[in-house]
PDB file of all heavy atoms in Angstrom:
ATOM      1  N   THR A   1     -21.464  -7.328  24.981  1.00  0.00           N
ATOM      2  CA  THR A   1     -20.451  -7.483  23.927  1.00  0.00           C
ATOM      3  C   THR A   1     -21.107  -7.640  22.557  1.00  0.00           C
ATOM      4  O   THR A   1     -20.687  -7.012  21.576  1.00  0.00           O
ATOM      5  CB  THR A   1     -19.555  -8.695  24.215  1.00  0.00           C
ATOM      6  OG1 THR A   1     -18.916  -8.522  25.482  1.00  0.00           O
ATOM      7  CG2 THR A   1     -18.482  -8.841  23.145  1.00  0.00           C
ATOM      8  N   ASN A   2     -22.148  -8.466  22.494  1.00  0.00           N
ATOM      9  CA  ASN A   2     -22.849  -8.656  21.220  1.00  0.00           C
ATOM     10  C   ASN A   2     -23.476  -7.356  20.735  1.00  0.00           C
ATOM     11  O   ASN A   2     -23.473  -7.056  19.535  1.00  0.00           O
ATOM     12  CB  ASN A   2     -23.924  -9.733  21.369  1.00  0.00           C
ATOM     13  CG  ASN A   2     -23.339 -11.129  21.512  1.00  0.00           C
ATOM     14  OD1 ASN A   2     -22.181 -11.360  21.174  1.00  0.00           O
ATOM     15  ND2 ASN A   2     -24.126 -12.051  22.037  1.00  0.00           N
ATOM     16  N   PHE A   3     -24.025  -6.591  21.673  1.00  0.00           N
ATOM     17  CA  PHE A   3     -24.633  -5.303  21.321  1.00  0.00           C
ATOM     18  C   PHE A   3     -23.587  -4.358  20.737  1.00  0.00           C
ATOM     19  O   PHE A   3     -23.821  -3.701  19.717  1.00  0.00           O
ATOM     20  CB  PHE A   3     -25.272  -4.687  22.576  1.00  0.00           C
ATOM     21  CG  PHE A   3     -25.884  -3.339  22.338  1.00  0.00           C
ATOM     22  CD1 PHE A   3     -27.201  -3.207  21.958  1.00  0.00           C
ATOM     23  CD2 PHE A   3     -25.131  -2.185  22.492  1.00  0.00           C
ATOM     24  CE1 PHE A   3     -27.767  -1.969  21.739  1.00  0.00           C
ATOM     25  CE2 PHE A   3     -25.678  -0.933  22.273  1.00  0.00           C
ATOM     26  CZ  PHE A   3     -27.008  -0.830  21.895  1.00  0.00           C
ATOM     27  N   ILE A   4     -22.430  -4.269  21.386  1.00  0.00           N
ATOM     28  CA  ILE A   4     -21.366  -3.373  20.912  1.00  0.00           C
ATOM     29  C   ILE A   4     -20.922  -3.762  19.500  1.00  0.00           C
ATOM     30  O   ILE A   4     -20.803  -2.911  18.609  1.00  0.00           O
ATOM     31  CB  ILE A   4     -20.168  -3.408  21.885  1.00  0.00           C
ATOM     32  CG1 ILE A   4     -20.548  -2.760  23.214  1.00  0.00           C
ATOM     33  CG2 ILE A   4     -18.960  -2.691  21.278  1.00  0.00           C
ATOM     34  CD1 ILE A   4     -19.488  -2.924  24.294  1.00  0.00           C
ATOM     35  N   LYS A   5     -20.685  -5.039  19.301  1.00  0.00           N
ATOM     36  CA  LYS A   5     -20.195  -5.506  17.997  1.00  0.00           C
ATOM     37  C   LYS A   5     -21.238  -5.277  16.898  1.00  0.00           C
ATOM     38  O   LYS A   5     -20.892  -4.987  15.756  1.00  0.00           O
ATOM     39  CB  LYS A   5     -19.816  -6.982  18.081  1.00  0.00           C
ATOM     40  CG  LYS A   5     -18.566  -7.227  18.923  1.00  0.00           C
ATOM     41  CD  LYS A   5     -18.207  -8.702  18.978  1.00  0.00           C
ATOM     42  CE  LYS A   5     -16.928  -8.927  19.771  1.00  0.00           C
ATOM     43  NZ  LYS A   5     -16.580 -10.378  19.854  1.00  0.00           N
ATOM     44  N   LYS A   6     -22.500  -5.400  17.263  1.00  0.00           N
ATOM     45  CA  LYS A   6     -23.565  -5.240  16.280  1.00  0.00           C
ATOM     46  C   LYS A   6     -23.753  -3.785  15.882  1.00  0.00           C
ATOM     47  O   LYS A   6     -24.052  -3.477  14.718  1.00  0.00           O
ATOM     48  CB  LYS A   6     -24.873  -5.807  16.844  1.00  0.00           C
ATOM     49  CG  LYS A   6     -26.074  -5.639  15.915  1.00  0.00           C
ATOM     50  CD  LYS A   6     -27.327  -6.219  16.554  1.00  0.00           C
ATOM     51  CE  LYS A   6     -28.545  -6.005  15.645  1.00  0.00           C
ATOM     52  NZ  LYS A   6     -29.789  -6.555  16.255  1.00  0.00           N
ATOM     53  N   HIS A   7     -23.553  -2.858  16.841  1.00  0.00           N
ATOM     54  CA  HIS A   7     -23.938  -1.469  16.606  1.00  0.00           C
ATOM     55  C   HIS A   7     -22.767  -0.495  16.463  1.00  0.00           C
ATOM     56  O   HIS A   7     -23.019   0.702  16.273  1.00  0.00           O
ATOM     57  CB  HIS A   7     -24.840  -0.980  17.740  1.00  0.00           C
ATOM     58  CG  HIS A   7     -26.170  -1.679  17.783  1.00  0.00           C
ATOM     59  ND1 HIS A   7     -27.188  -1.392  16.913  1.00  0.00           N
ATOM     60  CD2 HIS A   7     -26.629  -2.672  18.588  1.00  0.00           C
ATOM     61  CE1 HIS A   7     -28.232  -2.163  17.182  1.00  0.00           C
ATOM     62  NE2 HIS A   7     -27.920  -2.941  18.199  1.00  0.00           N
ATOM     63  N   LYS A   8     -21.546  -0.962  16.528  1.00  0.00           N
ATOM     64  CA  LYS A   8     -20.445   0.008  16.484  1.00  0.00           C
ATOM     65  C   LYS A   8     -20.345   0.704  15.128  1.00  0.00           C
ATOM     66  O   LYS A   8     -19.884   1.846  15.046  1.00  0.00           O
ATOM     67  CB  LYS A   8     -19.119  -0.646  16.854  1.00  0.00           C
ATOM     68  CG  LYS A   8     -18.594  -1.684  15.880  1.00  0.00           C
ATOM     69  CD  LYS A   8     -17.232  -2.204  16.351  1.00  0.00           C
ATOM     70  CE  LYS A   8     -16.667  -3.252  15.397  1.00  0.00           C
ATOM     71  NZ  LYS A   8     -15.333  -3.703  15.825  1.00  0.00           N
ATOM     72  N   PHE A   9     -20.765   0.036  14.043  1.00  0.00           N
ATOM     73  CA  PHE A   9     -20.808   0.668  12.726  1.00  0.00           C
ATOM     74  C   PHE A   9     -22.231   0.551  12.187  1.00  0.00           C
ATOM     75  O   PHE A   9     -22.507  -0.267  11.328  1.00  0.00           O
ATOM     76  CB  PHE A   9     -19.828   0.007  11.766  1.00  0.00           C
ATOM     77  CG  PHE A   9     -18.395   0.169  12.169  1.00  0.00           C
ATOM     78  CD1 PHE A   9     -17.611  -0.938  12.441  1.00  0.00           C
ATOM     79  CD2 PHE A   9     -17.835   1.430  12.309  1.00  0.00           C
ATOM     80  CE1 PHE A   9     -16.297  -0.797  12.826  1.00  0.00           C
ATOM     81  CE2 PHE A   9     -16.512   1.577  12.699  1.00  0.00           C
ATOM     82  CZ  PHE A   9     -15.740   0.463  12.963  1.00  0.00           C
ATOM     83  N   PRO A  10     -23.182   1.384  12.708  1.00  0.00           N
ATOM     84  CA  PRO A  10     -24.585   1.235  12.311  1.00  0.00           C
ATOM     85  C   PRO A  10     -24.843   1.799  10.928  1.00  0.00           C
ATOM     86  O   PRO A  10     -24.080   2.627  10.427  1.00  0.00           O
ATOM     87  CB  PRO A  10     -25.333   2.061  13.367  1.00  0.00           C
ATOM     88  CG  PRO A  10     -24.351   3.136  13.732  1.00  0.00           C
ATOM     89  CD  PRO A  10     -22.987   2.486  13.647  1.00  0.00           C
ATOM     90  N   PRO A  11     -25.943   1.389  10.308  1.00  0.00           N
ATOM     91  CA  PRO A  11     -26.343   1.983   9.020  1.00  0.00           C
ATOM     92  C   PRO A  11     -26.626   3.465   9.211  1.00  0.00           C
ATOM     93  O   PRO A  11     -27.086   3.885  10.269  1.00  0.00           O
ATOM     94  CB  PRO A  11     -27.630   1.220   8.658  1.00  0.00           C
ATOM     95  CG  PRO A  11     -27.608  -0.009   9.503  1.00  0.00           C
ATOM     96  CD  PRO A  11     -26.866   0.345  10.751  1.00  0.00           C
ATOM     97  N   THR A  12     -26.365   4.244   8.198  1.00  0.00           N
ATOM     98  CA  THR A  12     -26.566   5.692   8.313  1.00  0.00           C
ATOM     99  C   THR A  12     -28.034   6.040   8.474  1.00  0.00           C
ATOM    100  O   THR A  12     -28.360   7.104   8.970  1.00  0.00           O
ATOM    101  CB  THR A  12     -26.028   6.400   7.056  1.00  0.00           C
ATOM    102  OG1 THR A  12     -26.662   5.826   5.901  1.00  0.00           O
ATOM    103  CG2 THR A  12     -24.527   6.227   6.948  1.00  0.00           C
ATOM    104  N   ALA A  13     -28.927   5.142   8.076  1.00  0.00           N
ATOM    105  CA  ALA A  13     -30.354   5.423   8.183  1.00  0.00           C
ATOM    106  C   ALA A  13     -30.904   5.136   9.569  1.00  0.00           C
ATOM    107  O   ALA A  13     -32.075   5.357   9.847  1.00  0.00           O
ATOM    108  CB  ALA A  13     -31.134   4.596   7.162  1.00  0.00           C
ATOM    109  N   GLU A  14     -30.055   4.612  10.468  1.00  0.00           N
ATOM    110  CA  GLU A  14     -30.535   4.244  11.794  1.00  0.00           C
ATOM    111  C   GLU A  14     -30.949   5.476  12.590  1.00  0.00           C
ATOM    112  O   GLU A  14     -30.279   6.500  12.538  1.00  0.00           O
ATOM    113  CB  GLU A  14     -29.426   3.511  12.538  1.00  0.00           C
ATOM    114  CG  GLU A  14     -29.905   2.827  13.813  1.00  0.00           C
ATOM    115  CD  GLU A  14     -28.841   1.887  14.353  1.00  0.00           C
ATOM    116  OE1 GLU A  14     -27.662   2.107  14.043  1.00  0.00           O
ATOM    117  OE2 GLU A  14     -29.198   0.958  15.079  1.00  0.00           O
ATOM    118  N   PRO A  15     -32.048   5.436  13.348  1.00  0.00           N
ATOM    119  CA  PRO A  15     -32.489   6.595  14.134  1.00  0.00           C
ATOM    120  C   PRO A  15     -31.492   6.938  15.226  1.00  0.00           C
ATOM    121  O   PRO A  15     -30.681   6.110  15.636  1.00  0.00           O
ATOM    122  CB  PRO A  15     -33.815   6.133  14.740  1.00  0.00           C
ATOM    123  CG  PRO A  15     -33.754   4.647  14.739  1.00  0.00           C
ATOM    124  CD  PRO A  15     -32.957   4.294  13.512  1.00  0.00           C
ATOM    125  N   GLU A  16     -31.546   8.173  15.693  1.00  0.00           N
ATOM    126  CA  GLU A  16     -30.564   8.668  16.645  1.00  0.00           C
ATOM    127  C   GLU A  16     -30.700   8.042  18.012  1.00  0.00           C
ATOM    128  O   GLU A  16     -29.744   7.902  18.726  1.00  0.00           O
ATOM    129  CB  GLU A  16     -30.670  10.194  16.754  1.00  0.00           C
ATOM    130  CG  GLU A  16     -30.251  10.898  15.477  1.00  0.00           C
ATOM    131  CD  GLU A  16     -30.150  12.388  15.690  1.00  0.00           C
ATOM    132  OE1 GLU A  16     -30.314  12.847  16.822  1.00  0.00           O
ATOM    133  OE2 GLU A  16     -29.906  13.092  14.709  1.00  0.00           O
ATOM    134  N   THR A  17     -31.900   7.696  18.437  1.00  0.00           N
ATOM    135  CA  THR A  17     -32.070   7.043  19.729  1.00  0.00           C
ATOM    136  C   THR A  17     -32.937   5.825  19.545  1.00  0.00           C
ATOM    137  O   THR A  17     -33.847   5.793  18.743  1.00  0.00           O
ATOM    138  CB  THR A  17     -32.732   7.977  20.760  1.00  0.00           C
ATOM    139  OG1 THR A  17     -34.008   8.362  20.245  1.00  0.00           O
ATOM    140  CG2 THR A  17     -31.890   9.204  21.008  1.00  0.00           C
ATOM    141  N   THR A  18     -32.653   4.806  20.311  1.00  0.00           N
ATOM    142  CA  THR A  18     -33.421   3.576  20.244  1.00  0.00           C
ATOM    143  C   THR A  18     -33.225   2.801  21.524  1.00  0.00           C
ATOM    144  O   THR A  18     -32.430   3.165  22.374  1.00  0.00           O
ATOM    145  CB  THR A  18     -32.988   2.719  19.026  1.00  0.00           C
ATOM    146  OG1 THR A  18     -33.876   1.605  18.932  1.00  0.00           O
ATOM    147  CG2 THR A  18     -31.567   2.206  19.178  1.00  0.00           C
ATOM    148  N   SER A  19     -33.969   1.722  21.683  1.00  0.00           N
ATOM    149  CA  SER A  19     -33.810   0.854  22.834  1.00  0.00           C
ATOM    150  C   SER A  19     -33.493  -0.537  22.330  1.00  0.00           C
ATOM    151  O   SER A  19     -33.877  -0.928  21.240  1.00  0.00           O
ATOM    152  CB  SER A  19     -35.090   0.810  23.676  1.00  0.00           C
ATOM    153  OG  SER A  19     -35.369   2.091  24.186  1.00  0.00           O
ATOM    154  N   GLU A  20     -32.773  -1.288  23.131  1.00  0.00           N
ATOM    155  CA  GLU A  20     -32.397  -2.641  22.741  1.00  0.00           C
ATOM    156  C   GLU A  20     -32.583  -3.549  23.932  1.00  0.00           C
ATOM    157  O   GLU A  20     -32.047  -3.298  24.998  1.00  0.00           O
ATOM    158  CB  GLU A  20     -30.919  -2.655  22.317  1.00  0.00           C
ATOM    159  CG  GLU A  20     -30.393  -4.036  21.934  1.00  0.00           C
ATOM    160  CD  GLU A  20     -30.580  -4.341  20.466  1.00  0.00           C
ATOM    161  OE1 GLU A  20     -31.148  -3.494  19.792  1.00  0.00           O
ATOM    162  OE2 GLU A  20     -30.148  -5.399  20.036  1.00  0.00           O
ATOM    163  N   THR A  21     -33.367  -4.572  23.789  1.00  0.00           N
ATOM    164  CA  THR A  21     -33.480  -5.545  24.868  1.00  0.00           C
ATOM    165  C   THR A  21     -32.671  -6.759  24.489  1.00  0.00           C
ATOM    166  O   THR A  21     -32.846  -7.346  23.433  1.00  0.00           O
ATOM    167  CB  THR A  21     -34.938  -5.960  25.087  1.00  0.00           C
ATOM    168  OG1 THR A  21     -35.489  -6.398  23.853  1.00  0.00           O
ATOM    169  CG2 THR A  21     -35.753  -4.784  25.591  1.00  0.00           C
ATOM    170  N   GLY A  22     -31.759  -7.140  25.379  1.00  0.00           N
ATOM    171  CA  GLY A  22     -30.860  -8.234  25.080  1.00  0.00           C
ATOM    172  C   GLY A  22     -31.110  -9.424  25.953  1.00  0.00           C
ATOM    173  O   GLY A  22     -32.223  -9.731  26.334  1.00  0.00           O
ATOM    174  N   ALA A  23     -30.034 -10.112  26.348  1.00  0.00           N
ATOM    175  CA  ALA A  23     -30.148 -11.315  27.150  1.00  0.00           C
ATOM    176  C   ALA A  23     -30.660 -10.971  28.538  1.00  0.00           C
ATOM    177  O   ALA A  23     -30.679  -9.836  28.961  1.00  0.00           O
ATOM    178  CB  ALA A  23     -28.786 -12.001  27.247  1.00  0.00           C
ATOM    179  N   ASP A  24     -31.072 -12.007  29.244  1.00  0.00           N
ATOM    180  CA  ASP A  24     -31.650 -11.797  30.564  1.00  0.00           C
ATOM    181  C   ASP A  24     -30.564 -11.564  31.600  1.00  0.00           C
ATOM    182  O   ASP A  24     -29.432 -11.987  31.459  1.00  0.00           O
ATOM    183  CB  ASP A  24     -32.459 -13.032  30.977  1.00  0.00           C
ATOM    184  CG  ASP A  24     -33.502 -13.378  29.932  1.00  0.00           C
ATOM    185  OD1 ASP A  24     -34.008 -12.436  29.321  1.00  0.00           O
ATOM    186  OD2 ASP A  24     -33.764 -14.573  29.750  1.00  0.00           O
ATOM    187  N   ILE A  25     -30.971 -10.904  32.693  1.00  0.00           N
ATOM    188  CA  ILE A  25     -30.081 -10.717  33.830  1.00  0.00           C
ATOM    189  C   ILE A  25     -30.363 -11.846  34.801  1.00  0.00           C
ATOM    190  O   ILE A  25     -31.372 -11.840  35.492  1.00  0.00           O
ATOM    191  CB  ILE A  25     -30.369  -9.385  34.533  1.00  0.00           C
ATOM    192  CG1 ILE A  25     -30.486  -8.266  33.525  1.00  0.00           C
ATOM    193  CG2 ILE A  25     -29.352  -9.091  35.585  1.00  0.00           C
ATOM    194  CD1 ILE A  25     -31.061  -7.031  34.107  1.00  0.00           C
ATOM    195  N   GLU A  26     -29.471 -12.799  34.865  1.00  0.00           N
ATOM    196  CA  GLU A  26     -29.696 -13.930  35.749  1.00  0.00           C
ATOM    197  C   GLU A  26     -31.101 -14.501  35.535  1.00  0.00           C
ATOM    198  O   GLU A  26     -31.776 -14.908  36.477  1.00  0.00           O
ATOM    199  CB  GLU A  26     -29.525 -13.493  37.219  1.00  0.00           C
ATOM    200  CG  GLU A  26     -28.161 -12.916  37.535  1.00  0.00           C
ATOM    201  CD  GLU A  26     -27.063 -13.967  37.480  1.00  0.00           C
ATOM    202  OE1 GLU A  26     -27.375 -15.151  37.726  1.00  0.00           O
ATOM    203  OE2 GLU A  26     -25.917 -13.630  37.184  1.00  0.00           O
ATOM    204  N   GLY A  27     -31.584 -14.437  34.289  1.00  0.00           N
ATOM    205  CA  GLY A  27     -32.916 -14.935  33.999  1.00  0.00           C
ATOM    206  C   GLY A  27     -34.026 -13.950  34.277  1.00  0.00           C
ATOM    207  O   GLY A  27     -35.186 -14.294  34.202  1.00  0.00           O
ATOM    208  N   VAL A  28     -33.705 -12.691  34.608  1.00  0.00           N
ATOM    209  CA  VAL A  28     -34.722 -11.701  34.953  1.00  0.00           C
ATOM    210  C   VAL A  28     -34.567 -10.500  34.037  1.00  0.00           C
ATOM    211  O   VAL A  28     -33.486  -9.962  33.886  1.00  0.00           O
ATOM    212  CB  VAL A  28     -34.584 -11.250  36.421  1.00  0.00           C
ATOM    213  CG1 VAL A  28     -35.654 -10.245  36.746  1.00  0.00           C
ATOM    214  CG2 VAL A  28     -34.676 -12.457  37.350  1.00  0.00           C
ATOM    215  N   ALA A  29     -35.659 -10.068  33.427  1.00  0.00           N
ATOM    216  CA  ALA A  29     -35.603  -8.931  32.513  1.00  0.00           C
ATOM    217  C   ALA A  29     -35.624  -7.621  33.280  1.00  0.00           C
ATOM    218  O   ALA A  29     -36.600  -7.304  33.944  1.00  0.00           O
ATOM    219  CB  ALA A  29     -36.772  -8.986  31.530  1.00  0.00           C
ATOM    220  N   GLN A  30     -34.535  -6.884  33.214  1.00  0.00           N
ATOM    221  CA  GLN A  30     -34.467  -5.510  33.676  1.00  0.00           C
ATOM    222  C   GLN A  30     -34.779  -5.214  35.132  1.00  0.00           C
ATOM    223  O   GLN A  30     -35.427  -4.246  35.410  1.00  0.00           O
ATOM    224  CB  GLN A  30     -35.383  -4.651  32.811  1.00  0.00           C
ATOM    225  CG  GLN A  30     -34.951  -4.569  31.375  1.00  0.00           C
ATOM    226  CD  GLN A  30     -33.507  -4.175  31.235  1.00  0.00           C
ATOM    227  OE1 GLN A  30     -33.066  -3.197  31.796  1.00  0.00           O
ATOM    228  NE2 GLN A  30     -32.748  -4.943  30.502  1.00  0.00           N
TER     229      GLN A  30
END
């Protein structure tokens, strides 16, 4: 949810593809 709200209206200078690491999954990354 935080990711969606942060990126739904991105700056026009933002690159076309990127990666985002967010909160942990049950305390485990990915």
